[in-house]
Amino acid sequence: MARLRSALWLLALLGAAARAGDPPAPRPIAIAVDASDPTSNLFRATLEIPASPGPLRLHYPRWEPSAHAESDGIQRLSHVSMSAGSRPVAWRREERDPRTFLCDVPEGADTLTV
């Protein structure tokens, strides 16, 4: 159950991505979670994030609701990939904050799939 909660918080974190000064996204973020095999403790999540071309920062939350300490969910996160259309998008973690993911949305893309 803790892994499912972490997967859902990952979705919330990535879904909260925004650039300073940008108007609100005209489309909602689509979230899909595959929790069909809870005994394996593996949950797959896919986000479709409306985005415009250029730099984008995605943040994993430090705290989960009802938690009394910072979340360790980022340590259980694996196999992160990003794409725009059928093209892979390179990403990296910010040096000062490993909970921040940085990428560049390519020209012509209006959605980032994470």
PDB file of N, CA and C in Angstrom:
ATOM      1  N   MET A   1       0.820  -1.194   0.000  1.00  0.00           N
ATOM      2  CA  MET A   1       0.000   0.000   0.000  1.00  0.00           C
ATOM      3  C   MET A   1       0.864   1.258   0.000  1.00  0.00           C
ATOM      4  N   ALA A   2       2.006   1.191   0.691  1.00  0.00           N
ATOM      5  CA  ALA A   2       2.896   2.350   0.737  1.00  0.00           C
ATOM      6  C   ALA A   2       3.431   2.671  -0.650  1.00  0.00           C
ATOM      7  N   ARG A   3       3.707   1.633  -1.445  1.00  0.00           N
ATOM      8  CA  ARG A   3       4.218   1.873  -2.798  1.00  0.00           C
ATOM      9  C   ARG A   3       3.144   2.509  -3.685  1.00  0.00           C
ATOM     10  N   LEU A   4       1.902   2.063  -3.525  1.00  0.00           N
ATOM     11  CA  LEU A   4       0.826   2.672  -4.298  1.00  0.00           C
ATOM     12  C   LEU A   4       0.693   4.131  -3.906  1.00  0.00           C
ATOM     13  N   ARG A   5       0.765   4.426  -2.615  1.00  0.00           N
ATOM     14  CA  ARG A   5       0.682   5.807  -2.163  1.00  0.00           C
ATOM     15  C   ARG A   5       1.833   6.626  -2.750  1.00  0.00           C
ATOM     16  N   SER A   6       3.034   6.038  -2.789  1.00  0.00           N
ATOM     17  CA  SER A   6       4.187   6.737  -3.376  1.00  0.00           C
ATOM     18  C   SER A   6       3.976   6.983  -4.857  1.00  0.00           C
ATOM     19  N   ALA A   7       3.435   5.982  -5.560  1.00  0.00           N
ATOM     20  CA  ALA A   7       3.184   6.143  -6.993  1.00  0.00           C
ATOM     21  C   ALA A   7       2.174   7.254  -7.240  1.00  0.00           C
ATOM     22  N   LEU A   8       1.138   7.304  -6.413  1.00  0.00           N
ATOM     23  CA  LEU A   8       0.130   8.346  -6.582  1.00  0.00           C
ATOM     24  C   LEU A   8       0.704   9.716  -6.262  1.00  0.00           C
ATOM     25  N   TRP A   9       1.609   9.785  -5.265  1.00  0.00           N
ATOM     26  CA  TRP A   9       2.221  11.075  -4.958  1.00  0.00           C
ATOM     27  C   TRP A   9       3.188  11.498  -6.042  1.00  0.00           C
ATOM     28  N   LEU A  10       3.821  10.529  -6.688  1.00  0.00           N
ATOM     29  CA  LEU A  10       4.669  10.871  -7.831  1.00  0.00           C
ATOM     30  C   LEU A  10       3.819  11.550  -8.891  1.00  0.00           C
ATOM     31  N   LEU A  11       2.650  10.989  -9.136  1.00  0.00           N
ATOM     32  CA  LEU A  11       1.754  11.584 -10.116  1.00  0.00           C
ATOM     33  C   LEU A  11       1.366  12.997  -9.708  1.00  0.00           C
ATOM     34  N   ALA A  12       1.053  13.168  -8.453  1.00  0.00           N
ATOM     35  CA  ALA A  12       0.671  14.495  -7.982  1.00  0.00           C
ATOM     36  C   ALA A  12       1.827  15.468  -8.116  1.00  0.00           C
ATOM     37  N   LEU A  13       3.011  15.005  -7.785  1.00  0.00           N
ATOM     38  CA  LEU A  13       4.200  15.864  -7.884  1.00  0.00           C
ATOM     39  C   LEU A  13       4.438  16.290  -9.309  1.00  0.00           C
ATOM     40  N   LEU A  14       4.489  15.339 -10.184  1.00  0.00           N
ATOM     41  CA  LEU A  14       4.792  15.673 -11.563  1.00  0.00           C
ATOM     42  C   LEU A  14       3.658  16.477 -12.184  1.00  0.00           C
ATOM     43  N   GLY A  15       2.454  16.195 -11.738  1.00  0.00           N
ATOM     44  CA  GLY A  15       1.317  16.928 -12.252  1.00  0.00           C
ATOM     45  C   GLY A  15       1.287  18.375 -11.818  1.00  0.00           C
ATOM     46  N   ALA A  16       1.997  18.705 -10.763  1.00  0.00           N
ATOM     47  CA  ALA A  16       2.003  20.070 -10.255  1.00  0.00           C
ATOM     48  C   ALA A  16       3.052  20.928 -10.945  1.00  0.00           C
ATOM     49  N   ALA A  17       3.688  20.381 -11.972  1.00  0.00           N
ATOM     50  CA  ALA A  17       4.750  21.116 -12.656  1.00  0.00           C
ATOM     51  C   ALA A  17       4.182  22.350 -13.354  1.00  0.00           C
ATOM     52  N   ALA A  18       4.907  23.436 -13.234  1.00  0.00           N
ATOM     53  CA  ALA A  18       4.493  24.663 -13.909  1.00  0.00           C
ATOM     54  C   ALA A  18       5.698  25.583 -14.044  1.00  0.00           C
ATOM     55  N   ARG A  19       5.678  26.395 -15.065  1.00  0.00           N
ATOM     56  CA  ARG A  19       6.721  27.397 -15.227  1.00  0.00           C
ATOM     57  C   ARG A  19       6.213  28.725 -14.672  1.00  0.00           C
ATOM     58  N   ALA A  20       7.077  29.443 -13.997  1.00  0.00           N
ATOM     59  CA  ALA A  20       6.695  30.739 -13.434  1.00  0.00           C
ATOM     60  C   ALA A  20       6.279  31.671 -14.563  1.00  0.00           C
ATOM     61  N   GLY A  21       5.161  32.322 -14.388  1.00  0.00           N
ATOM     62  CA  GLY A  21       4.710  33.294 -15.365  1.00  0.00           C
ATOM     63  C   GLY A  21       3.829  32.715 -16.467  1.00  0.00           C
ATOM     64  N   ASP A  22       3.764  31.388 -16.594  1.00  0.00           N
ATOM     65  CA  ASP A  22       2.908  30.781 -17.613  1.00  0.00           C
ATOM     66  C   ASP A  22       1.454  30.873 -17.168  1.00  0.00           C
ATOM     67  N   PRO A  23       0.531  31.035 -18.107  1.00  0.00           N
ATOM     68  CA  PRO A  23      -0.880  30.990 -17.743  1.00  0.00           C
ATOM     69  C   PRO A  23      -1.257  29.557 -17.361  1.00  0.00           C
ATOM     70  N   PRO A  24      -2.372  29.376 -16.678  1.00  0.00           N
ATOM     71  CA  PRO A  24      -2.792  28.019 -16.316  1.00  0.00           C
ATOM     72  C   PRO A  24      -2.929  27.143 -17.560  1.00  0.00           C
ATOM     73  N   ALA A  25      -2.641  25.864 -17.389  1.00  0.00           N
ATOM     74  CA  ALA A  25      -2.717  24.921 -18.508  1.00  0.00           C
ATOM     75  C   ALA A  25      -4.153  24.858 -19.028  1.00  0.00           C
ATOM     76  N   PRO A  26      -4.340  24.919 -20.345  1.00  0.00           N
ATOM     77  CA  PRO A  26      -5.685  24.886 -20.901  1.00  0.00           C
ATOM     78  C   PRO A  26      -6.310  23.494 -20.855  1.00  0.00           C
ATOM     79  N   ARG A  27      -5.474  22.469 -20.663  1.00  0.00           N
ATOM     80  CA  ARG A  27      -5.976  21.097 -20.609  1.00  0.00           C
ATOM     81  C   ARG A  27      -5.591  20.482 -19.277  1.00  0.00           C
ATOM     82  N   PRO A  28      -6.393  19.538 -18.795  1.00  0.00           N
ATOM     83  CA  PRO A  28      -6.029  18.873 -17.538  1.00  0.00           C
ATOM     84  C   PRO A  28      -4.894  17.879 -17.766  1.00  0.00           C
ATOM     85  N   ILE A  29      -4.242  17.518 -16.696  1.00  0.00           N
ATOM     86  CA  ILE A  29      -3.210  16.482 -16.734  1.00  0.00           C
ATOM     87  C   ILE A  29      -3.925  15.137 -16.653  1.00  0.00           C
ATOM     88  N   ALA A  30      -3.607  14.242 -17.570  1.00  0.00           N
ATOM     89  CA  ALA A  30      -4.203  12.901 -17.567  1.00  0.00           C
ATOM     90  C   ALA A  30      -3.273  11.967 -16.797  1.00  0.00           C
ATOM     91  N   ILE A  31      -3.861  11.189 -15.886  1.00  0.00           N
ATOM     92  CA  ILE A  31      -3.080  10.277 -15.048  1.00  0.00           C
ATOM     93  C   ILE A  31      -3.656   8.875 -15.192  1.00  0.00           C
ATOM     94  N   ALA A  32      -2.769   7.893 -15.417  1.00  0.00           N
ATOM     95  CA  ALA A  32      -3.174   6.490 -15.461  1.00  0.00           C
ATOM     96  C   ALA A  32      -2.240   5.700 -14.551  1.00  0.00           C
ATOM     97  N   VAL A  33      -2.823   4.847 -13.701  1.00  0.00           N
ATOM     98  CA  VAL A  33      -2.033   4.027 -12.789  1.00  0.00           C
ATOM     99  C   VAL A  33      -2.376   2.567 -13.033  1.00  0.00           C
ATOM    100  N   ASP A  34      -1.350   1.735 -13.211  1.00  0.00           N
ATOM    101  CA  ASP A  34      -1.534   0.291 -13.328  1.00  0.00           C
ATOM    102  C   ASP A  34      -1.128  -0.324 -12.000  1.00  0.00           C
ATOM    103  N   ALA A  35      -2.127  -0.718 -11.212  1.00  0.00           N
ATOM    104  CA  ALA A  35      -1.884  -1.355  -9.922  1.00  0.00           C
ATOM    105  C   ALA A  35      -2.451  -2.777  -9.962  1.00  0.00           C
ATOM    106  N   SER A  36      -2.325  -3.428 -11.125  1.00  0.00           N
ATOM    107  CA  SER A  36      -2.932  -4.734 -11.326  1.00  0.00           C
ATOM    108  C   SER A  36      -2.213  -5.872 -10.606  1.00  0.00           C
ATOM    109  N   ASP A  37      -1.001  -5.646 -10.131  1.00  0.00           N
ATOM    110  CA  ASP A  37      -0.258  -6.689  -9.429  1.00  0.00           C
ATOM    111  C   ASP A  37       0.318  -6.130  -8.132  1.00  0.00           C
ATOM    112  N   PRO A  38      -0.543  -5.865  -7.135  1.00  0.00           N
ATOM    113  CA  PRO A  38      -0.061  -5.236  -5.906  1.00  0.00           C
ATOM    114  C   PRO A  38       0.889  -6.124  -5.099  1.00  0.00           C
ATOM    115  N   THR A  39       0.848  -7.423  -5.309  1.00  0.00           N
ATOM    116  CA  THR A  39       1.740  -8.303  -4.550  1.00  0.00           C
ATOM    117  C   THR A  39       3.203  -8.102  -4.941  1.00  0.00           C
ATOM    118  N   SER A  40       3.458  -7.590  -6.138  1.00  0.00           N
ATOM    119  CA  SER A  40       4.840  -7.354  -6.578  1.00  0.00           C
ATOM    120  C   SER A  40       5.396  -6.039  -6.041  1.00  0.00           C
ATOM    121  N   ASN A  41       4.518  -5.203  -5.469  1.00  0.00           N
ATOM    122  CA  ASN A  41       4.908  -3.872  -5.003  1.00  0.00           C
ATOM    123  C   ASN A  41       5.432  -2.998  -6.135  1.00  0.00           C
ATOM    124  N   LEU A  42       5.016  -3.287  -7.360  1.00  0.00           N
ATOM    125  CA  LEU A  42       5.365  -2.458  -8.519  1.00  0.00           C
ATOM    126  C   LEU A  42       4.096  -1.824  -9.053  1.00  0.00           C
ATOM    127  N   PHE A  43       4.132  -0.522  -9.189  1.00  0.00           N
ATOM    128  CA  PHE A  43       3.006   0.212  -9.738  1.00  0.00           C
ATOM    129  C   PHE A  43       3.530   1.084 -10.854  1.00  0.00           C
ATOM    130  N   ARG A  44       2.815   1.096 -11.954  1.00  0.00           N
ATOM    131  CA  ARG A  44       3.233   1.906 -13.094  1.00  0.00           C
ATOM    132  C   ARG A  44       2.268   3.072 -13.237  1.00  0.00           C
ATOM    133  N   ALA A  45       2.846   4.223 -13.436  1.00  0.00           N
ATOM    134  CA  ALA A  45       2.043   5.433 -13.572  1.00  0.00           C
ATOM    135  C   ALA A  45       2.466   6.161 -14.834  1.00  0.00           C
ATOM    136  N   THR A  46       1.505   6.719 -15.535  1.00  0.00           N
ATOM    137  CA  THR A  46       1.776   7.503 -16.732  1.00  0.00           C
ATOM    138  C   THR A  46       1.028   8.822 -16.613  1.00  0.00           C
ATOM    139  N   LEU A  47       1.744   9.903 -16.882  1.00  0.00           N
ATOM    140  CA  LEU A  47       1.121  11.226 -16.881  1.00  0.00           C
ATOM    141  C   LEU A  47       1.221  11.816 -18.275  1.00  0.00           C
ATOM    142  N   GLU A  48       0.188  12.470 -18.702  1.00  0.00           N
ATOM    143  CA  GLU A  48       0.177  13.267 -19.931  1.00  0.00           C
ATOM    144  C   GLU A  48       0.041  14.716 -19.468  1.00  0.00           C
ATOM    145  N   ILE A  49       1.155  15.452 -19.510  1.00  0.00           N
ATOM    146  CA  ILE A  49       1.196  16.805 -18.972  1.00  0.00           C
ATOM    147  C   ILE A  49       1.173  17.814 -20.114  1.00  0.00           C
ATOM    148  N   PRO A  50       0.165  18.699 -20.168  1.00  0.00           N
ATOM    149  CA  PRO A  50       0.201  19.762 -21.175  1.00  0.00           C
ATOM    150  C   PRO A  50       1.457  20.601 -20.967  1.00  0.00           C
ATOM    151  N   ALA A  51       2.159  20.857 -22.039  1.00  0.00           N
ATOM    152  CA  ALA A  51       3.421  21.599 -21.927  1.00  0.00           C
ATOM    153  C   ALA A  51       3.661  22.384 -23.199  1.00  0.00           C
ATOM    154  N   SER A  52       4.429  23.432 -23.074  1.00  0.00           N
ATOM    155  CA  SER A  52       4.844  24.187 -24.250  1.00  0.00           C
ATOM    156  C   SER A  52       6.348  23.988 -24.415  1.00  0.00           C
ATOM    157  N   PRO A  53       6.855  24.184 -25.625  1.00  0.00           N
ATOM    158  CA  PRO A  53       8.290  23.975 -25.864  1.00  0.00           C
ATOM    159  C   PRO A  53       9.153  24.834 -24.954  1.00  0.00           C
ATOM    160  N   GLY A  54      10.272  24.244 -24.528  1.00  0.00           N
ATOM    161  CA  GLY A  54      11.213  24.963 -23.683  1.00  0.00           C
ATOM    162  C   GLY A  54      11.507  24.210 -22.407  1.00  0.00           C
ATOM    163  N   PRO A  55      12.262  24.824 -21.500  1.00  0.00           N
ATOM    164  CA  PRO A  55      12.645  24.177 -20.248  1.00  0.00           C
ATOM    165  C   PRO A  55      11.438  23.902 -19.361  1.00  0.00           C
ATOM    166  N   LEU A  56      11.470  22.759 -18.681  1.00  0.00           N
ATOM    167  CA  LEU A  56      10.381  22.383 -17.778  1.00  0.00           C
ATOM    168  C   LEU A  56      10.990  21.751 -16.534  1.00  0.00           C
ATOM    169  N   ARG A  57      10.464  22.124 -15.367  1.00  0.00           N
ATOM    170  CA  ARG A  57      10.915  21.563 -14.075  1.00  0.00           C
ATOM    171  C   ARG A  57       9.748  20.800 -13.477  1.00  0.00           C
ATOM    172  N   LEU A  58      10.018  19.572 -13.064  1.00  0.00           N
ATOM    173  CA  LEU A  58       9.020  18.747 -12.396  1.00  0.00           C
ATOM    174  C   LEU A  58       9.547  18.445 -10.993  1.00  0.00           C
ATOM    175  N   HIS A  59       8.674  18.543  -9.990  1.00  0.00           N
ATOM    176  CA  HIS A  59       9.105  18.393  -8.603  1.00  0.00           C
ATOM    177  C   HIS A  59       8.392  17.225  -7.922  1.00  0.00           C
ATOM    178  N   TYR A  60       9.154  16.387  -7.241  1.00  0.00           N
ATOM    179  CA  TYR A  60       8.602  15.321  -6.402  1.00  0.00           C
ATOM    180  C   TYR A  60       8.398  15.913  -5.006  1.00  0.00           C
ATOM    181  N   PRO A  61       7.237  15.683  -4.377  1.00  0.00           N
ATOM    182  CA  PRO A  61       6.979  16.334  -3.082  1.00  0.00           C
ATOM    183  C   PRO A  61       7.874  15.805  -1.962  1.00  0.00           C
ATOM    184  N   ARG A  62       8.242  16.694  -1.061  1.00  0.00           N
ATOM    185  CA  ARG A  62       9.031  16.296   0.107  1.00  0.00           C
ATOM    186  C   ARG A  62       8.153  15.637   1.163  1.00  0.00           C
ATOM    187  N   TRP A  63       6.925  16.088   1.261  1.00  0.00           N
ATOM    188  CA  TRP A  63       6.027  15.608   2.315  1.00  0.00           C
ATOM    189  C   TRP A  63       4.776  15.032   1.681  1.00  0.00           C
ATOM    190  N   GLU A  64       4.256  13.972   2.280  1.00  0.00           N
ATOM    191  CA  GLU A  64       2.973  13.405   1.887  1.00  0.00           C
ATOM    192  C   GLU A  64       1.958  13.786   2.959  1.00  0.00           C
ATOM    193  N   PRO A  65       0.698  13.966   2.578  1.00  0.00           N
ATOM    194  CA  PRO A  65      -0.301  14.276   3.601  1.00  0.00           C
ATOM    195  C   PRO A  65      -0.308  13.188   4.675  1.00  0.00           C
ATOM    196  N   SER A  66      -0.511  13.589   5.871  1.00  0.00           N
ATOM    197  CA  SER A  66      -0.564  12.749   7.072  1.00  0.00           C
ATOM    198  C   SER A  66       0.787  12.164   7.461  1.00  0.00           C
ATOM    199  N   ALA A  67       1.855  12.509   6.758  1.00  0.00           N
ATOM    200  CA  ALA A  67       3.187  12.036   7.137  1.00  0.00           C
ATOM    201  C   ALA A  67       3.766  12.966   8.194  1.00  0.00           C
ATOM    202  N   HIS A  68       4.569  12.418   9.067  1.00  0.00           N
ATOM    203  CA  HIS A  68       5.174  13.211  10.130  1.00  0.00           C
ATOM    204  C   HIS A  68       6.648  13.480   9.872  1.00  0.00           C
ATOM    205  N   ALA A  69       7.101  13.097   8.696  1.00  0.00           N
ATOM    206  CA  ALA A  69       8.485  13.332   8.291  1.00  0.00           C
ATOM    207  C   ALA A  69       8.508  13.391   6.769  1.00  0.00           C
ATOM    208  N   GLU A  70       9.635  13.801   6.234  1.00  0.00           N
ATOM    209  CA  GLU A  70       9.744  13.845   4.774  1.00  0.00           C
ATOM    210  C   GLU A  70       9.534  12.456   4.200  1.00  0.00           C
ATOM    211  N   SER A  71       8.944  12.407   3.010  1.00  0.00           N
ATOM    212  CA  SER A  71       8.680  11.144   2.323  1.00  0.00           C
ATOM    213  C   SER A  71       9.967  10.556   1.768  1.00  0.00           C
ATOM    214  N   ASP A  72      10.066   9.227   1.779  1.00  0.00           N
ATOM    215  CA  ASP A  72      11.194   8.568   1.134  1.00  0.00           C
ATOM    216  C   ASP A  72      10.773   7.996  -0.220  1.00  0.00           C
ATOM    217  N   GLY A  73       9.613   8.398  -0.705  1.00  0.00           N
ATOM    218  CA  GLY A  73       9.086   7.880  -1.960  1.00  0.00           C
ATOM    219  C   GLY A  73      10.011   8.054  -3.142  1.00  0.00           C
ATOM    220  N   ILE A  74      10.781   9.116  -3.176  1.00  0.00           N
ATOM    221  CA  ILE A  74      11.698   9.357  -4.292  1.00  0.00           C
ATOM    222  C   ILE A  74      12.737   8.241  -4.378  1.00  0.00           C
ATOM    223  N   GLN A  75      13.079   7.625  -3.263  1.00  0.00           N
ATOM    224  CA  GLN A  75      14.057   6.535  -3.261  1.00  0.00           C
ATOM    225  C   GLN A  75      13.488   5.255  -3.858  1.00  0.00           C
ATOM    226  N   ARG A  76      12.168   5.132  -3.876  1.00  0.00           N
ATOM    227  CA  ARG A  76      11.535   3.935  -4.441  1.00  0.00           C
ATOM    228  C   ARG A  76      11.133   4.143  -5.904  1.00  0.00           C
ATOM    229  N   LEU A  77      11.419   5.296  -6.437  1.00  0.00           N
ATOM    230  CA  LEU A  77      11.060   5.623  -7.811  1.00  0.00           C
ATOM    231  C   LEU A  77      12.099   5.042  -8.770  1.00  0.00           C
ATOM    232  N   SER A  78      11.646   4.374  -9.830  1.00  0.00           N
ATOM    233  CA  SER A  78      12.588   3.827 -10.813  1.00  0.00           C
ATOM    234  C   SER A  78      11.971   3.871 -12.205  1.00  0.00           C
ATOM    235  N   HIS A  79      12.812   3.700 -13.189  1.00  0.00           N
ATOM    236  CA  HIS A  79      12.411   3.614 -14.598  1.00  0.00           C
ATOM    237  C   HIS A  79      11.626   4.837 -15.083  1.00  0.00           C
ATOM    238  N   VAL A  80      12.112   6.008 -14.765  1.00  0.00           N
ATOM    239  CA  VAL A  80      11.472   7.234 -15.226  1.00  0.00           C
ATOM    240  C   VAL A  80      11.850   7.465 -16.687  1.00  0.00           C
ATOM    241  N   SER A  81      10.858   7.736 -17.501  1.00  0.00           N
ATOM    242  CA  SER A  81      11.132   8.091 -18.900  1.00  0.00           C
ATOM    243  C   SER A  81      10.180   9.214 -19.299  1.00  0.00           C
ATOM    244  N   MET A  82      10.629  10.026 -20.240  1.00  0.00           N
ATOM    245  CA  MET A  82       9.819  11.136 -20.731  1.00  0.00           C
ATOM    246  C   MET A  82       9.855  11.117 -22.245  1.00  0.00           C
ATOM    247  N   SER A  83       8.731  11.519 -22.844  1.00  0.00           N
ATOM    248  CA  SER A  83       8.671  11.598 -24.301  1.00  0.00           C
ATOM    249  C   SER A  83       7.673  12.670 -24.713  1.00  0.00           C
ATOM    250  N   ALA A  84       7.833  13.114 -25.942  1.00  0.00           N
ATOM    251  CA  ALA A  84       6.905  14.067 -26.552  1.00  0.00           C
ATOM    252  C   ALA A  84       6.552  13.466 -27.904  1.00  0.00           C
ATOM    253  N   GLY A  85       5.299  13.061 -28.065  1.00  0.00           N
ATOM    254  CA  GLY A  85       4.938  12.311 -29.258  1.00  0.00           C
ATOM    255  C   GLY A  85       5.652  10.972 -29.194  1.00  0.00           C
ATOM    256  N   SER A  86       6.334  10.618 -30.232  1.00  0.00           N
ATOM    257  CA  SER A  86       7.083   9.356 -30.238  1.00  0.00           C
ATOM    258  C   SER A  86       8.571   9.587 -29.970  1.00  0.00           C
ATOM    259  N   ARG A  87       8.945  10.835 -29.688  1.00  0.00           N
ATOM    260  CA  ARG A  87      10.357  11.165 -29.475  1.00  0.00           C
ATOM    261  C   ARG A  87      10.703  11.150 -27.992  1.00  0.00           C
ATOM    262  N   PRO A  88      11.786  10.439 -27.630  1.00  0.00           N
ATOM    263  CA  PRO A  88      12.216  10.491 -26.231  1.00  0.00           C
ATOM    264  C   PRO A  88      12.717  11.886 -25.871  1.00  0.00           C
ATOM    265  N   VAL A  89      12.504  12.269 -24.631  1.00  0.00           N
ATOM    266  CA  VAL A  89      12.972  13.560 -24.128  1.00  0.00           C
ATOM    267  C   VAL A  89      13.996  13.288 -23.036  1.00  0.00           C
ATOM    268  N   ALA A  90      15.197  13.814 -23.218  1.00  0.00           N
ATOM    269  CA  ALA A  90      16.253  13.649 -22.210  1.00  0.00           C
ATOM    270  C   ALA A  90      15.892  14.456 -20.967  1.00  0.00           C
ATOM    271  N   TRP A  91      16.196  13.906 -19.813  1.00  0.00           N
ATOM    272  CA  TRP A  91      15.950  14.603 -18.558  1.00  0.00           C
ATOM    273  C   TRP A  91      17.131  14.345 -17.622  1.00  0.00           C
ATOM    274  N   ARG A  92      17.209  15.185 -16.594  1.00  0.00           N
ATOM    275  CA  ARG A  92      18.236  15.003 -15.570  1.00  0.00           C
ATOM    276  C   ARG A  92      17.679  15.533 -14.256  1.00  0.00           C
ATOM    277  N   ARG A  93      18.329  15.136 -13.174  1.00  0.00           N
ATOM    278  CA  ARG A  93      17.940  15.664 -11.870  1.00  0.00           C
ATOM    279  C   ARG A  93      18.774  16.901 -11.579  1.00  0.00           C
ATOM    280  N   GLU A  94      18.175  17.832 -10.889  1.00  0.00           N
ATOM    281  CA  GLU A  94      18.895  19.032 -10.493  1.00  0.00           C
ATOM    282  C   GLU A  94      19.950  18.648  -9.453  1.00  0.00           C
ATOM    283  N   GLU A  95      21.129  19.205  -9.573  1.00  0.00           N
ATOM    284  CA  GLU A  95      22.225  18.852  -8.663  1.00  0.00           C
ATOM    285  C   GLU A  95      21.916  19.163  -7.204  1.00  0.00           C
ATOM    286  N   ARG A  96      21.337  20.315  -6.952  1.00  0.00           N
ATOM    287  CA  ARG A  96      21.083  20.734  -5.571  1.00  0.00           C
ATOM    288  C   ARG A  96      19.871  20.056  -4.954  1.00  0.00           C
ATOM    289  N   ASP A  97      18.936  19.596  -5.777  1.00  0.00           N
ATOM    290  CA  ASP A  97      17.715  18.975  -5.263  1.00  0.00           C
ATOM    291  C   ASP A  97      17.361  17.774  -6.129  1.00  0.00           C
ATOM    292  N   PRO A  98      17.676  16.555  -5.701  1.00  0.00           N
ATOM    293  CA  PRO A  98      17.409  15.374  -6.515  1.00  0.00           C
ATOM    294  C   PRO A  98      15.926  15.080  -6.698  1.00  0.00           C
ATOM    295  N   ARG A  99      15.062  15.843  -6.027  1.00  0.00           N
ATOM    296  CA  ARG A  99      13.614  15.682  -6.223  1.00  0.00           C
ATOM    297  C   ARG A  99      13.104  16.517  -7.400  1.00  0.00           C
ATOM    298  N   THR A 100      13.992  17.270  -8.016  1.00  0.00           N
ATOM    299  CA  THR A 100      13.612  18.114  -9.151  1.00  0.00           C
ATOM    300  C   THR A 100      14.149  17.513 -10.439  1.00  0.00           C
ATOM    301  N   PHE A 101      13.258  17.303 -11.392  1.00  0.00           N
ATOM    302  CA  PHE A 101      13.608  16.755 -12.696  1.00  0.00           C
ATOM    303  C   PHE A 101      13.564  17.885 -13.723  1.00  0.00           C
ATOM    304  N   LEU A 102      14.588  17.980 -14.543  1.00  0.00           N
ATOM    305  CA  LEU A 102      14.694  19.030 -15.553  1.00  0.00           C
ATOM    306  C   LEU A 102      14.663  18.402 -16.942  1.00  0.00           C
ATOM    307  N   CYS A 103      13.950  19.027 -17.854  1.00  0.00           N
ATOM    308  CA  CYS A 103      13.940  18.569 -19.242  1.00  0.00           C
ATOM    309  C   CYS A 103      13.636  19.759 -20.148  1.00  0.00           C
ATOM    310  N   ASP A 104      13.816  19.554 -21.449  1.00  0.00           N
ATOM    311  CA  ASP A 104      13.451  20.548 -22.450  1.00  0.00           C
ATOM    312  C   ASP A 104      12.390  19.941 -23.342  1.00  0.00           C
ATOM    313  N   VAL A 105      11.212  20.531 -23.339  1.00  0.00           N
ATOM    314  CA  VAL A 105      10.126  20.078 -24.208  1.00  0.00           C
ATOM    315  C   VAL A 105      10.480  20.526 -25.627  1.00  0.00           C
ATOM    316  N   PRO A 106      10.492  19.593 -26.606  1.00  0.00           N
ATOM    317  CA  PRO A 106      10.906  19.957 -27.962  1.00  0.00           C
ATOM    318  C   PRO A 106       9.885  20.844 -28.687  1.00  0.00           C
ATOM    319  N   GLU A 107      10.389  21.560 -29.665  1.00  0.00           N
ATOM    320  CA  GLU A 107       9.522  22.404 -30.512  1.00  0.00           C
ATOM    321  C   GLU A 107       8.430  21.541 -31.139  1.00  0.00           C
ATOM    322  N   GLY A 108       7.241  22.094 -31.225  1.00  0.00           N
ATOM    323  CA  GLY A 108       6.109  21.406 -31.846  1.00  0.00           C
ATOM    324  C   GLY A 108       5.344  20.500 -30.895  1.00  0.00           C
ATOM    325  N   ALA A 109       5.869  20.265 -29.707  1.00  0.00           N
ATOM    326  CA  ALA A 109       5.196  19.389 -28.739  1.00  0.00           C
ATOM    327  C   ALA A 109       4.228  20.210 -27.887  1.00  0.00           C
ATOM    328  N   ASP A 110       3.079  19.611 -27.552  1.00  0.00           N
ATOM    329  CA  ASP A 110       2.152  20.279 -26.647  1.00  0.00           C
ATOM    330  C   ASP A 110       1.831  19.408 -25.436  1.00  0.00           C
ATOM    331  N   THR A 111       2.444  18.202 -25.382  1.00  0.00           N
ATOM    332  CA  THR A 111       2.224  17.291 -24.274  1.00  0.00           C
ATOM    333  C   THR A 111       3.518  16.561 -23.948  1.00  0.00           C
ATOM    334  N   LEU A 112       3.810  16.429 -22.683  1.00  0.00           N
ATOM    335  CA  LEU A 112       4.950  15.650 -22.215  1.00  0.00           C
ATOM    336  C   LEU A 112       4.389  14.407 -21.544  1.00  0.00           C
ATOM    337  N   THR A 113       4.833  13.233 -21.984  1.00  0.00           N
ATOM    338  CA  THR A 113       4.416  11.976 -21.369  1.00  0.00           C
ATOM    339  C   THR A 113       5.518  11.529 -20.412  1.00  0.00           C
ATOM    340  N   VAL A 114       5.142  11.292 -19.156  1.00  0.00           N
ATOM    341  CA  VAL A 114       6.094  10.866 -18.131  1.00  0.00           C
ATOM    342  C   VAL A 114       5.639   9.526 -17.594  1.00  0.00           C
TER     343      VAL A 114
END
